[in-house]
């Protein structure tokens, strides 16, 4: 019977298991950004609905426009800026 090779943890698992001990504040920031990136599409949907309602009632909705632009800028910076483009 042949011996099975030792199966170690993948590098990502090792990294995320060591990160809280190495830099707790960095771990918190990392997960906050992950949660923010996950929540932004839902917020964007709510904002678009607000813009549609504002246009339908012809009500100036400046704050909604600001959040839309902020969402687009953040998604561009996270998606494209991280690649050095």
Protein backbone atom coordinates (compact mmCIF):
# COMPACT_ATOMS: atom_id res chain seq x y z
CA UNK A 1 0.00 0.00 0.00
CA UNK A 2 1.43 3.36 -1.04
CA UNK A 3 1.68 6.12 1.53
CA UNK A 4 -0.54 9.10 0.91
CA UNK A 5 1.24 12.43 0.58
CA UNK A 6 0.69 14.87 3.41
CA UNK A 7 -2.06 17.31 2.58
CA UNK A 8 -1.38 20.76 3.97
CA UNK A 9 -3.56 23.78 4.25
CA UNK A 10 -3.91 25.95 1.17
CA UNK A 11 -1.91 29.21 1.28
CA UNK A 12 -5.05 31.33 1.65
CA UNK A 13 -6.15 29.38 4.73
CA UNK A 14 -2.70 29.79 6.27
CA UNK A 15 -2.72 33.52 5.52
CA UNK A 16 -6.16 34.15 7.04
CA UNK A 17 -5.41 32.05 10.11
CA UNK A 18 -2.22 34.04 10.85
CA UNK A 19 -3.51 37.52 9.95
CA UNK A 20 -5.51 38.16 13.18
CA UNK A 21 -2.44 37.44 15.30
CA UNK A 22 -0.10 39.48 13.12
CA UNK A 23 -2.24 42.61 12.67
CA UNK A 24 -5.64 42.62 14.39
CA UNK A 25 -6.54 46.10 13.13
CA UNK A 26 -5.67 45.10 9.58
CA UNK A 27 -7.90 42.04 9.89
CA UNK A 28 -10.80 44.23 11.00
CA UNK A 29 -10.23 46.64 8.13
CA UNK A 30 -10.01 43.75 5.66
CA UNK A 31 -13.34 42.26 6.74
CA UNK A 32 -14.99 45.69 6.90
CA UNK A 33 -14.03 46.26 3.26
CA UNK A 34 -15.31 42.81 2.30
CA UNK A 35 -18.67 43.52 3.98
CA UNK A 36 -18.83 47.00 2.43
CA UNK A 37 -18.14 45.63 -1.03
CA UNK A 38 -20.89 43.05 -0.54
CA UNK A 39 -23.39 45.62 0.73
CA UNK A 40 -22.80 48.25 -1.96
CA UNK A 41 -24.76 46.49 -4.74
CA UNK A 42 -27.83 46.27 -2.50
CA UNK A 43 -27.44 49.93 -1.53
CA UNK A 44 -27.04 50.81 -5.20
CA UNK A 45 -30.36 49.10 -6.00
CA UNK A 46 -32.11 51.08 -3.29
CA UNK A 47 -30.52 54.29 -4.56
CA UNK A 48 -31.57 53.61 -8.15
CA UNK A 49 -35.13 53.07 -6.94
CA UNK A 50 -34.89 56.41 -5.14
CA UNK A 51 -33.66 58.14 -8.29
CA UNK A 52 -36.49 56.64 -10.31
CA UNK A 53 -39.01 57.81 -7.70
CA UNK A 54 -37.44 61.28 -7.66
CA UNK A 55 -37.58 61.55 -11.43
CA UNK A 56 -41.18 60.32 -11.46
CA UNK A 57 -42.23 62.98 -8.94
CA UNK A 58 -39.84 65.60 -10.38
CA UNK A 59 -38.26 66.03 -6.94
CA UNK A 60 -34.59 67.08 -6.73
CA UNK A 61 -32.81 64.21 -5.05
CA UNK A 62 -29.24 65.43 -4.68
CA UNK A 63 -28.14 63.01 -1.93
CA UNK A 64 -29.21 59.99 -3.95
CA UNK A 65 -27.12 61.20 -6.89
CA UNK A 66 -24.10 61.58 -4.63
CA UNK A 67 -24.44 58.01 -3.36
CA UNK A 68 -24.77 56.74 -6.94
CA UNK A 69 -21.58 58.47 -7.97
CA UNK A 70 -19.81 57.26 -4.83
CA UNK A 71 -20.87 53.67 -5.54
CA UNK A 72 -19.60 53.86 -9.11
CA UNK A 73 -16.28 55.39 -8.06
CA UNK A 74 -15.71 52.81 -5.32
CA UNK A 75 -16.53 49.90 -7.61
CA UNK A 76 -14.18 51.28 -10.26
CA UNK A 77 -11.33 51.83 -7.79
CA UNK A 78 -11.73 48.40 -6.20
CA UNK A 79 -12.20 46.56 -9.49
CA UNK A 80 -9.74 48.38 -11.72
CA UNK A 81 -7.51 50.44 -9.47
CA UNK A 82 -6.22 47.36 -7.65
CA UNK A 83 -4.88 45.98 -10.95
CA UNK A 84 -2.73 49.02 -11.56
CA UNK A 85 -4.68 50.26 -14.55
